[in-house]
Structure formats: structure tokens, C-alpha cells
C-alpha atoms as a PDB file:
ATOM      1  CA  MET A   1     -15.686 -18.477 -16.157  1.00  0.00           C
ATOM      2  CA  LYS A   2     -18.855 -19.881 -17.636  1.00  0.00           C
ATOM      3  CA  VAL A   3     -19.686 -18.927 -21.223  1.00  0.00           C
ATOM      4  CA  LYS A   4     -22.375 -19.779 -23.735  1.00  0.00           C
ATOM      5  CA  VAL A   5     -21.536 -20.338 -27.398  1.00  0.00           C
ATOM      6  CA  LYS A   6     -23.459 -17.864 -29.572  1.00  0.00           C
ATOM      7  CA  GLN A   7     -21.947 -18.983 -32.890  1.00  0.00           C
ATOM      8  CA  GLU A   8     -20.382 -22.377 -33.505  1.00  0.00           C
ATOM      9  CA  PHE A   9     -16.620 -22.636 -33.870  1.00  0.00           C
ATOM     10  CA  TYR A  10     -13.902 -25.262 -33.956  1.00  0.00           C
ATOM     11  CA  ASP A  11     -12.094 -25.563 -30.620  1.00  0.00           C
ATOM     12  CA  TRP A  12      -8.606 -26.664 -31.690  1.00  0.00           C
ATOM     13  CA  GLU A  13      -7.421 -27.356 -28.142  1.00  0.00           C
ATOM     14  CA  ALA A  14     -10.287 -29.756 -27.345  1.00  0.00           C
ATOM     15  CA  ASN A  15     -10.376 -30.971 -30.968  1.00  0.00           C
ATOM     16  CA  VAL A  16     -14.144 -30.530 -31.152  1.00  0.00           C
ATOM     17  CA  LYS A  17     -16.700 -28.318 -32.872  1.00  0.00           C
ATOM     18  CA  ARG A  18     -18.478 -26.131 -30.304  1.00  0.00           C
ATOM     19  CA  LEU A  19     -22.161 -25.727 -31.135  1.00  0.00           C
ATOM     20  CA  ALA A  20     -24.387 -22.702 -30.589  1.00  0.00           C
ATOM     21  CA  GLY A  21     -26.151 -22.908 -27.229  1.00  0.00           C
ATOM     22  CA  GLU A  22     -23.436 -25.037 -25.606  1.00  0.00           C
ATOM     23  CA  GLU A  23     -22.190 -23.848 -22.199  1.00  0.00           C
ATOM     24  CA  LEU A  24     -18.518 -24.147 -21.300  1.00  0.00           C
ATOM     25  CA  ASP A  25     -16.483 -23.653 -18.141  1.00  0.00           C
ATOM     26  CA  LEU A  26     -13.246 -21.918 -19.152  1.00  0.00           C
ATOM     27  CA  THR A  27     -10.196 -20.902 -17.195  1.00  0.00           C
ATOM     28  CA  ASP A  28      -9.124 -17.274 -17.555  1.00  0.00           C
ATOM     29  CA  THR A  29      -6.082 -18.480 -19.500  1.00  0.00           C
ATOM     30  CA  ARG A  30      -8.180 -20.481 -21.975  1.00  0.00           C
ATOM     31  CA  TYR A  31     -10.603 -17.586 -22.412  1.00  0.00           C
ATOM     32  CA  ALA A  32      -7.682 -15.253 -23.181  1.00  0.00           C
ATOM     33  CA  GLU A  33      -6.376 -17.750 -25.762  1.00  0.00           C
ATOM     34  CA  LEU A  34      -9.768 -17.806 -27.476  1.00  0.00           C
ATOM     35  CA  VAL A  35     -10.003 -14.002 -27.439  1.00  0.00           C
ATOM     36  CA  GLU A  36      -6.579 -13.780 -29.082  1.00  0.00           C
ATOM     37  CA  ASN A  37      -7.414 -16.469 -31.633  1.00  0.00           C
ATOM     38  CA  PHE A  38     -10.734 -14.878 -32.613  1.00  0.00           C
ATOM     39  CA  SER A  39      -9.240 -11.383 -32.843  1.00  0.00           C
ATOM     40  CA  SER A  40      -6.342 -12.606 -34.995  1.00  0.00           C
ATOM     41  CA  ASN A  41      -9.029 -13.730 -37.448  1.00  0.00           C
ATOM     42  CA  GLY A  42     -10.834 -10.375 -37.262  1.00  0.00           C
ATOM     43  CA  VAL A  43     -13.671 -11.686 -35.077  1.00  0.00           C
ATOM     44  CA  SER A  44     -14.805 -10.219 -31.767  1.00  0.00           C
ATOM     45  CA  VAL A  45     -15.141 -12.719 -28.921  1.00  0.00           C
ATOM     46  CA  SER A  46     -18.536 -11.170 -28.099  1.00  0.00           C
ATOM     47  CA  ASP A  47     -19.790 -12.388 -31.496  1.00  0.00           C
ATOM     48  CA  ILE A  48     -18.905 -15.982 -30.552  1.00  0.00           C
ATOM     49  CA  LEU A  49     -19.152 -16.284 -26.755  1.00  0.00           C
ATOM     50  CA  GLU A  50     -21.412 -14.783 -24.111  1.00  0.00           C
ATOM     51  CA  GLU A  51     -20.347 -14.738 -20.474  1.00  0.00           C
ATOM     52  CA  VAL A  52     -23.108 -16.319 -18.381  1.00  0.00           C
ATOM     53  CA  GLY A  53     -21.349 -16.624 -15.049  1.00  0.00           C
ATOM     54  CA  GLY A  54     -18.131 -15.859 -13.267  1.00  0.00           C
ATOM     55  CA  THR A  55     -16.366 -17.357 -10.309  1.00  0.00           C
ATOM     56  CA  GLU A  56     -19.495 -16.908  -8.219  1.00  0.00           C
ATOM     57  CA  SER A  57     -20.993 -19.907 -10.044  1.00  0.00           C
ATOM     58  CA  TYR A  58     -18.335 -22.085  -8.409  1.00  0.00           C
ATOM     59  CA  ASN A  59     -19.361 -21.419  -4.814  1.00  0.00           C
ATOM     60  CA  TYR A  60     -20.432 -24.655  -3.217  1.00  0.00           C
ATOM     61  CA  SER A  61     -22.385 -25.213  -0.022  1.00  0.00           C
ATOM     62  CA  PRO A  62     -20.088 -26.097   2.885  1.00  0.00           C
ATOM     63  CA  VAL A  63     -22.665 -28.624   4.108  1.00  0.00           C
ATOM     64  CA  SER A  64     -21.697 -32.161   3.196  1.00  0.00           C
ATOM     65  CA  THR A  65     -24.364 -34.630   2.140  1.00  0.00           C
ATOM     66  CA  VAL A  66     -22.017 -37.573   2.663  1.00  0.00           C
ATOM     67  CA  GLN A  67     -22.856 -39.497   5.813  1.00  0.00           C
ATOM     68  CA  THR A  68     -20.052 -40.142   8.286  1.00  0.00           C
ATOM     69  CA  PRO A  69     -19.457 -43.882   8.563  1.00  0.00           C
ATOM     70  CA  GLN A  70     -20.266 -45.418  11.936  1.00  0.00           C
ATOM     71  CA  VAL A  71     -17.338 -47.357  13.402  1.00  0.00           C
ATOM     72  CA  TYR A  72     -18.027 -49.817  16.213  1.00  0.00           C
ATOM     73  CA  VAL A  73     -15.513 -51.336  18.597  1.00  0.00           C
ATOM     74  CA  SER A  74     -15.945 -55.082  18.899  1.00  0.00           C
ATOM     75  CA  GLY A  75     -18.575 -55.862  21.544  1.00  0.00           C
ATOM     76  CA  GLU A  76     -19.789 -52.226  21.797  1.00  0.00           C
ATOM     77  CA  THR A  77     -23.245 -51.073  20.696  1.00  0.00           C
ATOM     78  CA  THR A  78     -22.326 -47.367  20.611  1.00  0.00           C
ATOM     79  CA  PRO A  79     -20.529 -45.966  17.553  1.00  0.00           C
ATOM     80  CA  LEU A  80     -16.867 -45.191  18.207  1.00  0.00           C
ATOM     81  CA  SER A  81     -17.474 -41.528  17.389  1.00  0.00           C
ATOM     82  CA  GLN A  82     -19.915 -41.232  20.299  1.00  0.00           C
ATOM     83  CA  GLN A  83     -17.796 -42.999  22.934  1.00  0.00           C
ATOM     84  CA  GLU A  84     -16.068 -40.844  25.527  1.00  0.00           C
ATOM     85  CA  GLY A  85     -12.301 -40.569  25.337  1.00  0.00           C
ATOM     86  CA  VAL A  86     -12.189 -41.327  21.623  1.00  0.00           C
END
């Protein structure tokens, strides 16, 4: 889950102060821990964090931009991947 910090707070697990405007990617478990921690201090999570994206922000294109390496057999001018029977 992607969230945006609305009000700065100290993130004890990461040992860092989270600043207003910062965006974080949190697991559901970590988000639940923060909700519990804030509420135990009388603070609503909605006062501190704003959800800006869910799991849909993690969908990646299935198209790879990495080029397949061309492998040549000694003495051949055609890549191995294009030779018949390989």
C-alpha cells in the first residue's frame, strides 16, 4: 500500500523521522502496526497518513526491456537462437 505522510512522525521500526509529503510503500502488516501505534496514543491514522495507492500501483508491464543476448556457435554467423534444431 502506498501512503503519503500528512504529519511528520518518528518511525521506530525504520529508526527515522518521516517528514510531511514523503511517500512510503507499506505492507498491510506494517500499516496495521502503525494504525495500532497511533491509536494507542489517541491519534487517528488518517491524521498522519493518506492512502495514495493500493496494490494496483504494483502492476508492472509484462514486456521486458532487457535484450536477449545473442549466442553464436563457433564458425556460425547466425545467432544460436535462430538456428533450426536448437
